[in-house]
PDB file of N, CA and C in Angstrom:
ATOM      1  N   UNK A   1       6.877  -1.555 -16.763  1.00  0.00           N
ATOM      2  CA  UNK A   1       6.801  -0.363 -17.566  1.00  0.00           C
ATOM      3  C   UNK A   1       8.209   0.142 -17.854  1.00  0.00           C
ATOM      4  N   UNK A   2       8.465   0.461 -19.097  1.00  0.00           N
ATOM      5  CA  UNK A   2       9.793   0.883 -19.514  1.00  0.00           C
ATOM      6  C   UNK A   2       9.933   2.399 -19.432  1.00  0.00           C
ATOM      7  N   UNK A   3      11.038   2.870 -18.892  1.00  0.00           N
ATOM      8  CA  UNK A   3      11.269   4.311 -18.774  1.00  0.00           C
ATOM      9  C   UNK A   3      11.699   4.870 -20.126  1.00  0.00           C
ATOM     10  N   UNK A   4      11.227   6.072 -20.435  1.00  0.00           N
ATOM     11  CA  UNK A   4      11.618   6.725 -21.685  1.00  0.00           C
ATOM     12  C   UNK A   4      12.977   7.374 -21.534  1.00  0.00           C
ATOM     13  N   UNK A   5      13.714   7.410 -22.611  1.00  0.00           N
ATOM     14  CA  UNK A   5      14.987   8.106 -22.631  1.00  0.00           C
ATOM     15  C   UNK A   5      14.752   9.458 -23.299  1.00  0.00           C
ATOM     16  N   UNK A   6      14.565  10.510 -22.519  1.00  0.00           N
ATOM     17  CA  UNK A   6      14.197  11.811 -23.054  1.00  0.00           C
ATOM     18  C   UNK A   6      15.333  12.472 -23.818  1.00  0.00           C
ATOM     19  N   UNK A   7      16.581  12.137 -23.511  1.00  0.00           N
ATOM     20  CA  UNK A   7      17.691  12.752 -24.228  1.00  0.00           C
ATOM     21  C   UNK A   7      17.678  12.373 -25.698  1.00  0.00           C
ATOM     22  N   UNK A   8      17.190  11.188 -26.019  1.00  0.00           N
ATOM     23  CA  UNK A   8      17.187  10.723 -27.401  1.00  0.00           C
ATOM     24  C   UNK A   8      15.815  10.860 -28.053  1.00  0.00           C
ATOM     25  N   UNK A   9      14.877  11.495 -27.375  1.00  0.00           N
ATOM     26  CA  UNK A   9      13.534  11.651 -27.936  1.00  0.00           C
ATOM     27  C   UNK A   9      13.598  12.541 -29.169  1.00  0.00           C
ATOM     28  N   UNK A  10      12.833  12.178 -30.169  1.00  0.00           N
ATOM     29  CA  UNK A  10      12.806  12.937 -31.413  1.00  0.00           C
ATOM     30  C   UNK A  10      11.690  13.973 -31.351  1.00  0.00           C
ATOM     31  N   UNK A  11      11.828  15.050 -32.137  1.00  0.00           N
ATOM     32  CA  UNK A  11      10.754  16.051 -32.169  1.00  0.00           C
ATOM     33  C   UNK A  11       9.428  15.411 -32.549  1.00  0.00           C
ATOM     34  N   UNK A  12       8.346  15.887 -31.912  1.00  0.00           N
ATOM     35  CA  UNK A  12       7.038  15.302 -32.134  1.00  0.00           C
ATOM     36  C   UNK A  12       6.353  15.863 -33.378  1.00  0.00           C
ATOM     37  N   UNK A  13       6.770  17.025 -33.825  1.00  0.00           N
ATOM     38  CA  UNK A  13       6.118  17.619 -34.985  1.00  0.00           C
ATOM     39  C   UNK A  13       7.154  18.033 -36.013  1.00  0.00           C
ATOM     40  N   UNK A  14       6.715  18.107 -37.243  1.00  0.00           N
ATOM     41  CA  UNK A  14       7.603  18.540 -38.316  1.00  0.00           C
ATOM     42  C   UNK A  14       8.020  19.999 -38.112  1.00  0.00           C
ATOM     43  N   UNK A  15       7.082  20.840 -37.601  1.00  0.00           N
ATOM     44  CA  UNK A  15       7.403  22.242 -37.359  1.00  0.00           C
ATOM     45  C   UNK A  15       8.561  22.382 -36.386  1.00  0.00           C
ATOM     46  N   UNK A  16       8.532  21.586 -35.345  1.00  0.00           N
ATOM     47  CA  UNK A  16       9.604  21.657 -34.340  1.00  0.00           C
ATOM     48  C   UNK A  16      10.927  21.269 -34.981  1.00  0.00           C
ATOM     49  N   UNK A  17      10.873  20.295 -35.853  1.00  0.00           N
ATOM     50  CA  UNK A  17      12.071  19.846 -36.544  1.00  0.00           C
ATOM     51  C   UNK A  17      12.634  20.978 -37.405  1.00  0.00           C
ATOM     52  N   UNK A  18      11.761  21.744 -38.073  1.00  0.00           N
ATOM     53  CA  UNK A  18      12.189  22.827 -38.943  1.00  0.00           C
ATOM     54  C   UNK A  18      12.812  23.972 -38.152  1.00  0.00           C
ATOM     55  N   UNK A  19      12.263  24.296 -36.981  1.00  0.00           N
ATOM     56  CA  UNK A  19      12.737  25.424 -36.197  1.00  0.00           C
ATOM     57  C   UNK A  19      13.884  25.065 -35.264  1.00  0.00           C
ATOM     58  N   UNK A  20      14.102  23.810 -35.022  1.00  0.00           N
ATOM     59  CA  UNK A  20      15.143  23.402 -34.099  1.00  0.00           C
ATOM     60  C   UNK A  20      14.664  23.493 -32.669  1.00  0.00           C
ATOM     61  N   UNK A  21      15.594  23.388 -31.733  1.00  0.00           N
ATOM     62  CA  UNK A  21      15.200  23.418 -30.327  1.00  0.00           C
ATOM     63  C   UNK A  21      14.935  24.852 -29.889  1.00  0.00           C
ATOM     64  N   UNK A  22      14.075  24.979 -28.912  1.00  0.00           N
ATOM     65  CA  UNK A  22      13.703  26.286 -28.364  1.00  0.00           C
ATOM     66  C   UNK A  22      14.770  26.697 -27.350  1.00  0.00           C
ATOM     67  N   UNK A  23      15.401  27.863 -27.524  1.00  0.00           N
ATOM     68  CA  UNK A  23      16.469  28.264 -26.601  1.00  0.00           C
ATOM     69  C   UNK A  23      15.991  28.440 -25.162  1.00  0.00           C
ATOM     70  N   UNK A  24      14.732  28.829 -24.967  1.00  0.00           N
ATOM     71  CA  UNK A  24      14.202  28.982 -23.607  1.00  0.00           C
ATOM     72  C   UNK A  24      14.107  27.621 -22.935  1.00  0.00           C
ATOM     73  N   UNK A  25      13.593  26.650 -23.659  1.00  0.00           N
ATOM     74  CA  UNK A  25      13.491  25.295 -23.107  1.00  0.00           C
ATOM     75  C   UNK A  25      14.881  24.740 -22.822  1.00  0.00           C
ATOM     76  N   UNK A  26      15.803  24.955 -23.730  1.00  0.00           N
ATOM     77  CA  UNK A  26      17.170  24.470 -23.511  1.00  0.00           C
ATOM     78  C   UNK A  26      17.785  25.117 -22.278  1.00  0.00           C
ATOM     79  N   UNK A  27      17.516  26.392 -22.037  1.00  0.00           N
ATOM     80  CA  UNK A  27      18.047  27.081 -20.853  1.00  0.00           C
ATOM     81  C   UNK A  27      17.478  26.472 -19.577  1.00  0.00           C
ATOM     82  N   UNK A  28      16.189  26.168 -19.566  1.00  0.00           N
ATOM     83  CA  UNK A  28      15.581  25.553 -18.386  1.00  0.00           C
ATOM     84  C   UNK A  28      16.092  24.137 -18.167  1.00  0.00           C
ATOM     85  N   UNK A  29      16.324  23.400 -19.229  1.00  0.00           N
ATOM     86  CA  UNK A  29      16.770  22.006 -19.104  1.00  0.00           C
ATOM     87  C   UNK A  29      18.104  21.897 -18.372  1.00  0.00           C
ATOM     88  N   UNK A  30      18.946  22.936 -18.493  1.00  0.00           N
ATOM     89  CA  UNK A  30      20.242  22.909 -17.797  1.00  0.00           C
ATOM     90  C   UNK A  30      20.067  22.872 -16.288  1.00  0.00           C
ATOM     91  N   UNK A  31      18.993  23.476 -15.791  1.00  0.00           N
ATOM     92  CA  UNK A  31      18.791  23.619 -14.352  1.00  0.00           C
ATOM     93  C   UNK A  31      17.864  22.566 -13.754  1.00  0.00           C
ATOM     94  N   UNK A  32      17.448  21.596 -14.535  1.00  0.00           N
ATOM     95  CA  UNK A  32      16.519  20.580 -14.060  1.00  0.00           C
ATOM     96  C   UNK A  32      17.243  19.251 -13.925  1.00  0.00           C
ATOM     97  N   UNK A  33      17.119  18.647 -12.758  1.00  0.00           N
ATOM     98  CA  UNK A  33      17.700  17.325 -12.535  1.00  0.00           C
ATOM     99  C   UNK A  33      16.695  16.291 -13.035  1.00  0.00           C
ATOM    100  N   UNK A  34      16.872  15.862 -14.267  1.00  0.00           N
ATOM    101  CA  UNK A  34      15.912  14.932 -14.866  1.00  0.00           C
ATOM    102  C   UNK A  34      15.966  13.538 -14.244  1.00  0.00           C
ATOM    103  N   UNK A  35      17.045  13.226 -13.524  1.00  0.00           N
ATOM    104  CA  UNK A  35      17.087  11.925 -12.847  1.00  0.00           C
ATOM    105  C   UNK A  35      16.000  11.848 -11.776  1.00  0.00           C
ATOM    106  N   UNK A  36      15.726  12.984 -11.101  1.00  0.00           N
ATOM    107  CA  UNK A  36      14.663  13.000 -10.089  1.00  0.00           C
ATOM    108  C   UNK A  36      13.298  12.790 -10.725  1.00  0.00           C
ATOM    109  N   UNK A  37      13.098  13.364 -11.900  1.00  0.00           N
ATOM    110  CA  UNK A  37      11.837  13.174 -12.611  1.00  0.00           C
ATOM    111  C   UNK A  37      11.683  11.707 -12.999  1.00  0.00           C
ATOM    112  N   UNK A  38      12.758  11.125 -13.523  1.00  0.00           N
ATOM    113  CA  UNK A  38      12.695   9.705 -13.918  1.00  0.00           C
ATOM    114  C   UNK A  38      12.400   8.808 -12.713  1.00  0.00           C
ATOM    115  N   UNK A  39      13.067   9.086 -11.592  1.00  0.00           N
ATOM    116  CA  UNK A  39      12.824   8.287 -10.383  1.00  0.00           C
ATOM    117  C   UNK A  39      11.371   8.393  -9.949  1.00  0.00           C
ATOM    118  N   UNK A  40      10.814   9.584  -9.995  1.00  0.00           N
ATOM    119  CA  UNK A  40       9.426   9.781  -9.605  1.00  0.00           C
ATOM    120  C   UNK A  40       8.481   9.042 -10.548  1.00  0.00           C
ATOM    121  N   UNK A  41       8.780   9.073 -11.831  1.00  0.00           N
ATOM    122  CA  UNK A  41       7.899   8.418 -12.803  1.00  0.00           C
ATOM    123  C   UNK A  41       7.948   6.893 -12.704  1.00  0.00           C
ATOM    124  N   UNK A  42       9.007   6.372 -12.099  1.00  0.00           N
ATOM    125  CA  UNK A  42       9.081   4.915 -11.901  1.00  0.00           C
ATOM    126  C   UNK A  42       8.165   4.450 -10.762  1.00  0.00           C
ATOM    127  N   UNK A  43       7.771   5.391  -9.900  1.00  0.00           N
ATOM    128  CA  UNK A  43       6.907   5.054  -8.768  1.00  0.00           C
ATOM    129  C   UNK A  43       5.457   4.952  -9.227  1.00  0.00           C
ATOM    130  N   UNK A  44       4.694   4.172  -8.495  1.00  0.00           N
ATOM    131  CA  UNK A  44       3.253   4.138  -8.757  1.00  0.00           C
ATOM    132  C   UNK A  44       2.634   5.409  -8.202  1.00  0.00           C
ATOM    133  N   UNK A  45       1.404   5.673  -8.581  1.00  0.00           N
ATOM    134  CA  UNK A  45       0.710   6.846  -8.069  1.00  0.00           C
ATOM    135  C   UNK A  45       0.617   6.773  -6.550  1.00  0.00           C
ATOM    136  N   UNK A  46       0.314   5.598  -6.034  1.00  0.00           N
ATOM    137  CA  UNK A  46       0.206   5.428  -4.580  1.00  0.00           C
ATOM    138  C   UNK A  46       1.543   5.719  -3.899  1.00  0.00           C
ATOM    139  N   UNK A  47       2.641   5.252  -4.481  1.00  0.00           N
ATOM    140  CA  UNK A  47       3.959   5.523  -3.898  1.00  0.00           C
ATOM    141  C   UNK A  47       4.277   7.012  -3.917  1.00  0.00           C
ATOM    142  N   UNK A  48       3.866   7.706  -4.981  1.00  0.00           N
ATOM    143  CA  UNK A  48       4.088   9.156  -5.039  1.00  0.00           C
ATOM    144  C   UNK A  48       3.277   9.879  -3.975  1.00  0.00           C
ATOM    145  N   UNK A  49       2.028   9.448  -3.766  1.00  0.00           N
ATOM    146  CA  UNK A  49       1.213  10.063  -2.718  1.00  0.00           C
ATOM    147  C   UNK A  49       1.802   9.788  -1.340  1.00  0.00           C
ATOM    148  N   UNK A  50       2.300   8.572  -1.110  1.00  0.00           N
ATOM    149  CA  UNK A  50       2.938   8.261   0.174  1.00  0.00           C
ATOM    150  C   UNK A  50       4.139   9.178   0.423  1.00  0.00           C
ATOM    151  N   UNK A  51       4.954   9.371  -0.614  1.00  0.00           N
ATOM    152  CA  UNK A  51       6.120  10.244  -0.486  1.00  0.00           C
ATOM    153  C   UNK A  51       5.684  11.681  -0.202  1.00  0.00           C
ATOM    154  N   UNK A  52       4.629  12.116  -0.865  1.00  0.00           N
ATOM    155  CA  UNK A  52       4.117  13.468  -0.643  1.00  0.00           C
ATOM    156  C   UNK A  52       3.604  13.631   0.780  1.00  0.00           C
ATOM    157  N   UNK A  53       2.893  12.617   1.295  1.00  0.00           N
ATOM    158  CA  UNK A  53       2.383  12.692   2.669  1.00  0.00           C
ATOM    159  C   UNK A  53       3.525  12.717   3.675  1.00  0.00           C
ATOM    160  N   UNK A  54       4.578  11.934   3.432  1.00  0.00           N
ATOM    161  CA  UNK A  54       5.738  11.948   4.330  1.00  0.00           C
ATOM    162  C   UNK A  54       6.412  13.316   4.315  1.00  0.00           C
ATOM    163  N   UNK A  55       6.515  13.915   3.142  1.00  0.00           N
ATOM    164  CA  UNK A  55       7.104  15.244   3.035  1.00  0.00           C
ATOM    165  C   UNK A  55       6.263  16.266   3.787  1.00  0.00           C
ATOM    166  N   UNK A  56       4.951  16.153   3.674  1.00  0.00           N
ATOM    167  CA  UNK A  56       4.051  17.072   4.381  1.00  0.00           C
ATOM    168  C   UNK A  56       4.168  16.906   5.893  1.00  0.00           C
ATOM    169  N   UNK A  57       4.245  15.658   6.357  1.00  0.00           N
ATOM    170  CA  UNK A  57       4.424  15.405   7.793  1.00  0.00           C
ATOM    171  C   UNK A  57       5.737  16.006   8.282  1.00  0.00           C
ATOM    172  N   UNK A  58       6.790  15.874   7.487  1.00  0.00           N
ATOM    173  CA  UNK A  58       8.084  16.442   7.845  1.00  0.00           C
ATOM    174  C   UNK A  58       8.001  17.964   7.932  1.00  0.00           C
ATOM    175  N   UNK A  59       7.330  18.593   6.962  1.00  0.00           N
ATOM    176  CA  UNK A  59       7.179  20.048   6.963  1.00  0.00           C
ATOM    177  C   UNK A  59       6.408  20.508   8.194  1.00  0.00           C
ATOM    178  N   UNK A  60       5.362  19.769   8.566  1.00  0.00           N
ATOM    179  CA  UNK A  60       4.585  20.126   9.758  1.00  0.00           C
ATOM    180  C   UNK A  60       5.418  19.992  11.018  1.00  0.00           C
ATOM    181  N   UNK A  61       6.244  18.965  11.106  1.00  0.00           N
ATOM    182  CA  UNK A  61       7.116  18.786  12.269  1.00  0.00           C
ATOM    183  C   UNK A  61       8.134  19.924  12.361  1.00  0.00           C
ATOM    184  N   UNK A  62       8.692  20.335  11.224  1.00  0.00           N
ATOM    185  CA  UNK A  62       9.623  21.468  11.233  1.00  0.00           C
ATOM    186  C   UNK A  62       8.933  22.739  11.721  1.00  0.00           C
ATOM    187  N   UNK A  63       7.707  22.937  11.294  1.00  0.00           N
ATOM    188  CA  UNK A  63       6.955  24.119  11.719  1.00  0.00           C
ATOM    189  C   UNK A  63       6.715  24.085  13.224  1.00  0.00           C
ATOM    190  N   UNK A  64       6.338  22.920  13.759  1.00  0.00           N
ATOM    191  CA  UNK A  64       6.125  22.789  15.208  1.00  0.00           C
ATOM    192  C   UNK A  64       7.418  23.029  15.969  1.00  0.00           C
ATOM    193  N   UNK A  65       8.516  22.455  15.469  1.00  0.00           N
ATOM    194  CA  UNK A  65       9.803  22.625  16.138  1.00  0.00           C
ATOM    195  C   UNK A  65      10.225  24.090  16.133  1.00  0.00           C
ATOM    196  N   UNK A  66      10.002  24.769  15.030  1.00  0.00           N
ATOM    197  CA  UNK A  66      10.322  26.196  14.970  1.00  0.00           C
ATOM    198  C   UNK A  66       9.500  26.998  15.946  1.00  0.00           C
ATOM    199  N   UNK A  67       8.226  26.648  16.088  1.00  0.00           N
ATOM    200  CA  UNK A  67       7.351  27.330  17.043  1.00  0.00           C
ATOM    201  C   UNK A  67       7.810  27.124  18.469  1.00  0.00           C
ATOM    202  N   UNK A  68       8.205  25.905  18.806  1.00  0.00           N
ATOM    203  CA  UNK A  68       8.693  25.617  20.160  1.00  0.00           C
ATOM    204  C   UNK A  68       9.965  26.393  20.449  1.00  0.00           C
ATOM    205  N   UNK A  69      10.835  26.470  19.464  1.00  0.00           N
ATOM    206  CA  UNK A  69      12.097  27.185  19.651  1.00  0.00           C
ATOM    207  C   UNK A  69      11.852  28.685  19.842  1.00  0.00           C
ATOM    208  N   UNK A  70      10.934  29.250  19.073  1.00  0.00           N
ATOM    209  CA  UNK A  70      10.598  30.672  19.244  1.00  0.00           C
ATOM    210  C   UNK A  70      10.016  30.933  20.617  1.00  0.00           C
ATOM    211  N   UNK A  71       9.196  30.003  21.137  1.00  0.00           N
ATOM    212  CA  UNK A  71       8.626  30.164  22.472  1.00  0.00           C
ATOM    213  C   UNK A  71       9.708  30.170  23.545  1.00  0.00           C
ATOM    214  N   UNK A  72      10.715  29.312  23.369  1.00  0.00           N
ATOM    215  CA  UNK A  72      11.824  29.250  24.329  1.00  0.00           C
ATOM    216  C   UNK A  72      12.595  30.566  24.371  1.00  0.00           C
ATOM    217  N   UNK A  73      12.766  31.161  23.192  1.00  0.00           N
ATOM    218  CA  UNK A  73      13.562  32.389  23.102  1.00  0.00           C
ATOM    219  C   UNK A  73      12.758  33.609  23.552  1.00  0.00           C
ATOM    220  N   UNK A  74      11.468  33.445  23.613  1.00  0.00           N
ATOM    221  CA  UNK A  74      10.590  34.376  24.241  1.00  0.00           C
ATOM    222  C   UNK A  74      10.237  35.626  23.666  1.00  0.00           C
TER     223      UNK A  74
END
């Protein structure tokens, strides 16, 4: 499967072409790391679920560790 190059994507509608780019969308695009999106889209659905489960396991371990530390401090 070939990855899309979003930087060179053309407007999908004639209306969008007439109005130009949306300044709100352009403002959000500055703060989004699109390389992470591309990397995620290269994964299969199963690989994405595996990554999500690993992240959830990590979050649960952090929560347990925080609880143990609070118990120690009393």
